[in-house]
Amino acid sequence: MSKVVLITGGSSGIGKSIGEFLNKKGFIVYGTSRNPENYKDSKFPILPLDVKDLLSIRNTVKAIIDKEGKLDVLVNNAGVGITGPIEEIPEEEIKNNFETNFFGPINLIKSVLPKMRQQQSGLIINITSIAGYMGLPYRGIYSASKAALEIITESFRMELKDFNIHMTNIAPGDFATNIATGRFHSPLLEKSPYYKPYGSTLELMNSHVDSGSNPKMMAEAVFKIINTKNPKGHYKVGAFMQKFSIFLKRILPDKMYEKLLLNHYKL
């Protein structure tokens, strides 16, 4: 029987690419969006779901299970970017980022676990970020929310080992998607002490996305993991230097690695 896959944020970007790829491979795919009516031409069903709304999560998971009788794979892909000097980012935007990037995935995991435990099988893939492996200037909140998801996956893996439920992270680098347009950008304030360095860093970040990798790389990685008997805890997908930066952080002294980042961002 075809595996049933739920992909949050499946209407665009990486989520859409994953969904279309798996759909072609014969999987039963469901994506989600807060506004599914805008994606009637999707190649797979887009269901209503807001990752910040627990009732919305439970209703969508229940609808899929009621229709298909099972749920084999959850891909926690929905997320939101955020940039700005940490000092100047409003508290409500910091909380919103963690609600979307961290608490939302946790609530989705909690909602699918009872069925996966009953099935005695399941796979949960959390889409994190290479940015979650390091504190980046003017992306500190985003880095922190993705890092939190990376670490909690390690705990989940050990707690779920007796139920034949696997969980893993995929940390993408920069991909050519519309994530930059959906970010919360702390405004550039001319009187801010961060005006010049934040402005130049913001331009650099946006250029990285514009020249990013093809999202199909992420789709292929997800497909490979689904067909892996015992997935690892962490996978990285993206340009070589972005992945290599994680290795450098492990082996270099803190101050040396920090200097590399400062040079990269011309700070």
Protein backbone atom coordinates (compact mmCIF):
# COMPACT_ATOMS: atom_id res chain seq x y z
CA MET A 1 0.00 0.00 0.00
CA SER A 2 1.13 3.55 -0.73
CA LYS A 3 2.45 5.47 2.24
CA VAL A 4 0.40 8.44 3.48
CA VAL A 5 2.44 11.62 3.92
CA LEU A 6 1.47 14.89 5.60
CA ILE A 7 3.60 17.92 4.70
CA THR A 8 2.97 21.17 6.58
CA GLY A 9 3.52 24.27 4.51
CA GLY A 10 3.12 22.19 1.37
CA SER A 11 1.75 24.95 -0.83
CA SER A 12 5.02 26.56 -1.89
CA GLY A 13 8.80 26.39 -1.72
CA ILE A 14 10.48 23.34 -0.26
CA GLY A 15 7.20 21.82 0.94
CA LYS A 16 5.63 22.02 -2.51
CA SER A 17 8.72 20.51 -4.11
CA ILE A 18 8.69 17.60 -1.64
CA GLY A 19 4.98 17.02 -2.18
CA GLU A 20 5.15 16.99 -5.96
CA PHE A 21 8.18 14.69 -5.95
CA LEU A 22 6.57 12.18 -3.58
CA ASN A 23 3.27 12.38 -5.44
CA LYS A 24 5.05 11.35 -8.65
CA LYS A 25 6.62 8.45 -6.76
CA GLY A 26 3.18 7.10 -5.85
CA PHE A 27 2.78 8.36 -2.29
CA ILE A 28 -0.56 9.63 -0.99
CA VAL A 29 0.39 13.22 -0.19
CA TYR A 30 -1.43 15.89 1.78
CA GLY A 31 -0.08 19.41 2.11
CA THR A 32 -1.31 22.20 4.34
CA SER A 33 -1.77 25.94 4.20
CA ARG A 34 -3.57 28.58 6.22
CA ASN A 35 -5.30 29.53 2.96
CA PRO A 36 -5.81 26.33 0.94
CA GLU A 37 -8.35 28.01 -1.34
CA ASN A 38 -5.44 29.81 -2.98
CA TYR A 39 -3.91 26.54 -4.20
CA LYS A 40 -6.71 24.78 -6.07
CA ASP A 41 -4.30 23.89 -8.89
CA SER A 42 -1.99 21.95 -6.54
CA LYS A 43 -0.98 18.49 -7.74
CA PHE A 44 -1.92 17.07 -4.33
CA PRO A 45 -4.61 18.08 -1.79
CA ILE A 46 -3.90 21.17 0.33
CA LEU A 47 -5.76 21.10 3.64
CA PRO A 48 -6.39 24.00 6.04
CA LEU A 49 -3.95 24.12 8.93
CA ASP A 50 -2.41 26.79 11.12
CA VAL A 51 0.57 25.41 13.04
CA LYS A 52 -0.10 27.93 15.82
CA ASP A 53 -3.64 26.61 16.34
CA LEU A 54 -3.83 23.31 18.23
CA LEU A 55 -7.46 22.65 17.24
CA SER A 56 -6.57 23.22 13.58
CA ILE A 57 -3.72 20.72 13.88
CA ARG A 58 -5.88 18.06 15.52
CA ASN A 59 -8.72 18.48 13.02
CA THR A 60 -6.46 18.13 9.98
CA VAL A 61 -4.60 15.10 11.35
CA LYS A 62 -7.92 13.46 12.24
CA ALA A 63 -9.36 14.16 8.77
CA ILE A 64 -6.42 12.41 7.08
CA ILE A 65 -6.52 9.41 9.41
CA ASP A 66 -10.31 9.10 9.06
CA LYS A 67 -10.00 9.05 5.27
CA GLU A 68 -6.85 6.96 4.82
CA GLY A 69 -6.92 4.82 7.96
CA LYS A 70 -3.26 5.56 8.65
CA LEU A 71 -0.54 8.19 8.61
CA ASP A 72 2.96 7.00 7.76
CA VAL A 73 5.08 10.13 7.41
CA LEU A 74 4.90 13.64 8.88
CA VAL A 75 7.14 16.30 7.35
CA ASN A 76 7.28 19.33 9.62
CA ASN A 77 8.16 21.86 6.97
CA ALA A 78 6.07 24.94 7.81
CA GLY A 79 8.24 27.71 9.16
CA VAL A 80 8.88 31.41 9.08
CA GLY A 81 12.00 33.52 8.83
CA ILE A 82 12.90 36.50 10.97
CA THR A 83 15.73 39.02 10.77
CA GLY A 84 16.89 41.98 12.76
CA PRO A 85 19.01 43.10 15.68
CA ILE A 86 17.80 41.05 18.63
CA GLU A 87 17.61 44.22 20.74
CA GLU A 88 15.13 45.77 18.30
CA ILE A 89 12.90 42.79 17.42
CA PRO A 90 9.50 43.15 19.16
CA GLU A 91 8.82 40.48 21.76
CA GLU A 92 5.60 39.42 20.03
CA GLU A 93 7.55 38.67 16.83
CA ILE A 94 10.07 36.57 18.75
CA LYS A 95 7.22 34.60 20.31
CA ASN A 96 5.50 34.24 16.91
CA ASN A 97 8.67 32.78 15.43
CA PHE A 98 8.98 30.16 18.16
CA GLU A 99 5.25 29.39 17.98
CA THR A 100 5.65 28.62 14.27
CA ASN A 101 9.11 27.05 14.09
CA PHE A 102 9.21 25.17 17.39
CA PHE A 103 5.91 24.77 19.25
CA GLY A 104 3.95 24.13 16.04
CA PRO A 105 6.08 21.12 15.05
CA ILE A 106 5.93 19.77 18.61
CA ASN A 107 2.13 19.93 18.60
CA LEU A 108 1.99 18.21 15.22
CA ILE A 109 4.28 15.46 16.51
CA LYS A 110 2.07 15.00 19.58
CA SER A 111 -1.00 14.77 17.34
CA VAL A 112 0.36 12.03 15.07
CA LEU A 113 2.14 9.89 17.68
CA PRO A 114 -0.93 8.02 19.02
CA LYS A 115 -1.80 6.73 15.52
CA MET A 116 1.81 5.90 14.67
CA ARG A 117 2.18 4.04 17.96
CA GLN A 118 -1.00 2.10 17.20
CA GLN A 119 0.41 1.25 13.76
CA GLN A 120 3.75 0.38 15.37
CA SER A 121 5.41 2.37 12.60
CA GLY A 122 5.96 5.94 11.51
CA LEU A 123 8.48 8.51 10.39
CA ILE A 124 8.69 12.17 11.38
CA ILE A 125 11.00 14.48 9.44
CA ASN A 126 11.65 17.94 10.86
CA ILE A 127 12.89 20.56 8.40
CA THR A 128 15.31 22.71 10.38
CA SER A 129 18.16 24.80 8.99
CA ILE A 130 21.93 24.94 8.76
CA ALA A 131 21.43 28.30 10.50
CA GLY A 132 20.31 26.28 13.52
CA TYR A 133 23.86 25.03 14.03
CA MET A 134 25.30 28.49 14.72
CA GLY A 135 24.28 31.88 16.01
CA LEU A 136 24.20 34.14 12.97
CA PRO A 137 24.25 37.94 13.14
CA TYR A 138 20.81 39.48 12.65
CA ARG A 139 19.30 36.00 12.37
CA GLY A 140 19.69 35.05 16.02
CA ILE A 141 16.01 34.32 16.70
CA TYR A 142 15.69 32.14 13.60
CA SER A 143 18.88 30.28 14.47
CA ALA A 144 17.62 29.72 18.02
CA SER A 145 14.19 28.38 16.99
CA LYS A 146 15.69 25.95 14.49
CA ALA A 147 18.40 24.89 16.94
CA ALA A 148 15.71 24.10 19.51
CA LEU A 149 13.94 21.82 17.03
CA GLU A 150 17.23 20.10 16.17
CA ILE A 151 17.96 19.33 19.82
CA ILE A 152 14.49 18.23 20.87
CA THR A 153 14.49 15.72 18.01
CA GLU A 154 17.42 14.00 19.68
CA SER A 155 15.34 13.58 22.85
CA PHE A 156 12.28 12.41 20.93
CA ARG A 157 14.31 9.75 19.11
CA MET A 158 15.29 8.08 22.38
CA GLU A 159 11.79 8.31 23.83
CA LEU A 160 10.21 6.74 20.72
CA LYS A 161 12.67 3.91 20.12
CA ASP A 162 10.38 1.26 21.63
CA PHE A 163 7.50 2.07 19.24
CA ASN A 164 9.24 1.68 15.85
CA ILE A 165 8.69 5.39 15.24
CA HIS A 166 11.66 7.16 13.67
CA MET A 167 12.42 10.86 13.77
CA THR A 168 15.08 12.88 12.02
CA ASN A 169 16.07 16.40 11.04
CA ILE A 170 16.98 17.73 7.63
CA ALA A 171 18.87 21.01 7.81
CA PRO A 172 18.75 22.86 4.47
CA GLY A 173 21.10 25.63 3.47
CA ASP A 174 19.92 28.43 1.20
CA PHE A 175 17.38 27.37 -1.41
CA ALA A 176 15.74 29.38 -4.16
CA THR A 177 12.31 29.83 -2.56
CA ASN A 178 10.05 32.69 -1.50
CA ILE A 179 11.12 32.50 2.16
CA ALA A 180 12.68 35.97 2.06
CA THR A 181 9.35 37.59 1.16
CA GLY A 182 7.62 35.88 4.08
CA ARG A 183 10.19 36.83 6.72
CA PHE A 184 9.56 39.31 9.45
CA HIS A 185 12.15 42.02 8.87
CA SER A 186 12.83 44.27 11.79
CA PRO A 187 12.72 47.68 10.10
CA LEU A 188 15.91 49.47 9.17
CA LEU A 189 15.88 52.53 11.40
CA GLU A 190 18.16 55.35 10.31
CA LYS A 191 18.83 56.36 13.90
CA SER A 192 19.54 52.79 14.98
CA PRO A 193 23.10 51.94 16.00
CA TYR A 194 22.65 48.80 13.86
CA TYR A 195 21.50 50.63 10.72
CA LYS A 196 24.56 50.13 8.55
CA PRO A 197 25.65 46.56 9.53
CA TYR A 198 22.08 45.24 9.60
CA GLY A 199 21.30 46.78 6.22
CA SER A 200 24.33 45.26 4.51
CA THR A 201 23.75 41.87 6.18
CA LEU A 202 20.12 41.87 5.05
CA GLU A 203 21.15 42.45 1.44
CA LEU A 204 23.65 39.61 1.67
CA MET A 205 21.08 37.20 3.15
CA ASN A 206 18.55 37.96 0.42
CA SER A 207 21.16 37.44 -2.30
CA HIS A 208 21.99 34.03 -0.82
CA VAL A 209 18.35 32.97 -1.15
CA ASP A 210 18.07 34.33 -4.69
CA SER A 211 21.08 32.26 -5.75
CA GLY A 212 20.17 29.25 -3.62
CA SER A 213 20.01 25.60 -4.59
CA ASN A 214 17.11 23.89 -6.35
CA PRO A 215 14.46 22.76 -3.80
CA LYS A 216 14.32 19.42 -5.63
CA MET A 217 17.46 18.50 -3.67
CA MET A 218 15.37 18.56 -0.50
CA ALA A 219 12.66 16.44 -2.12
CA GLU A 220 15.20 13.83 -3.13
CA ALA A 221 16.65 13.83 0.38
CA VAL A 222 13.21 13.27 1.93
CA PHE A 223 12.50 10.43 -0.50
CA LYS A 224 15.80 8.78 0.35
CA ILE A 225 15.15 9.05 4.10
CA ILE A 226 11.67 7.56 3.75
CA ASN A 227 13.29 4.57 2.09
CA THR A 228 15.99 4.26 4.76
CA LYS A 229 15.34 1.58 7.37
CA ASN A 230 17.02 3.39 10.26
CA PRO A 231 17.48 7.09 9.49
CA LYS A 232 20.19 9.08 11.23
CA GLY A 233 19.28 11.89 13.59
CA HIS A 234 20.66 14.68 11.41
CA TYR A 235 20.99 15.33 7.69
CA LYS A 236 22.32 18.45 5.95
CA VAL A 237 21.37 19.45 2.42
CA GLY A 238 22.76 22.36 0.46
CA ALA A 239 25.90 23.95 -0.92
CA PHE A 240 29.19 22.37 0.15
CA MET A 241 30.51 25.43 1.99
CA GLN A 242 27.30 25.79 4.00
CA LYS A 243 27.53 22.19 5.16
CA PHE A 244 31.28 22.55 5.70
CA SER A 245 30.64 25.51 8.00
CA ILE A 246 29.11 23.11 10.53
CA PHE A 247 32.24 20.97 10.49
CA LEU A 248 34.40 24.06 10.96
CA LYS A 249 32.37 25.10 14.00
CA ARG A 250 33.13 21.75 15.61
CA ILE A 251 36.87 21.89 15.13
CA LEU A 252 37.80 25.58 15.35
CA PRO A 253 38.21 27.61 18.53
CA ASP A 254 35.16 29.78 19.23
CA LYS A 255 36.88 33.09 18.55
CA MET A 256 38.33 31.88 15.27
CA TYR A 257 34.96 30.64 14.05
CA GLU A 258 33.33 33.89 15.13
CA LYS A 259 35.91 35.81 13.13
CA LEU A 260 35.12 33.73 10.05
CA LEU A 261 31.44 34.65 10.36
CA LEU A 262 32.25 38.32 10.87
CA ASN A 263 34.42 38.30 7.77
CA HIS A 264 31.76 36.48 5.76
CA TYR A 265 29.13 39.08 6.67
CA LYS A 266 31.66 41.93 6.35
CA LEU A 267 31.00 43.07 9.90
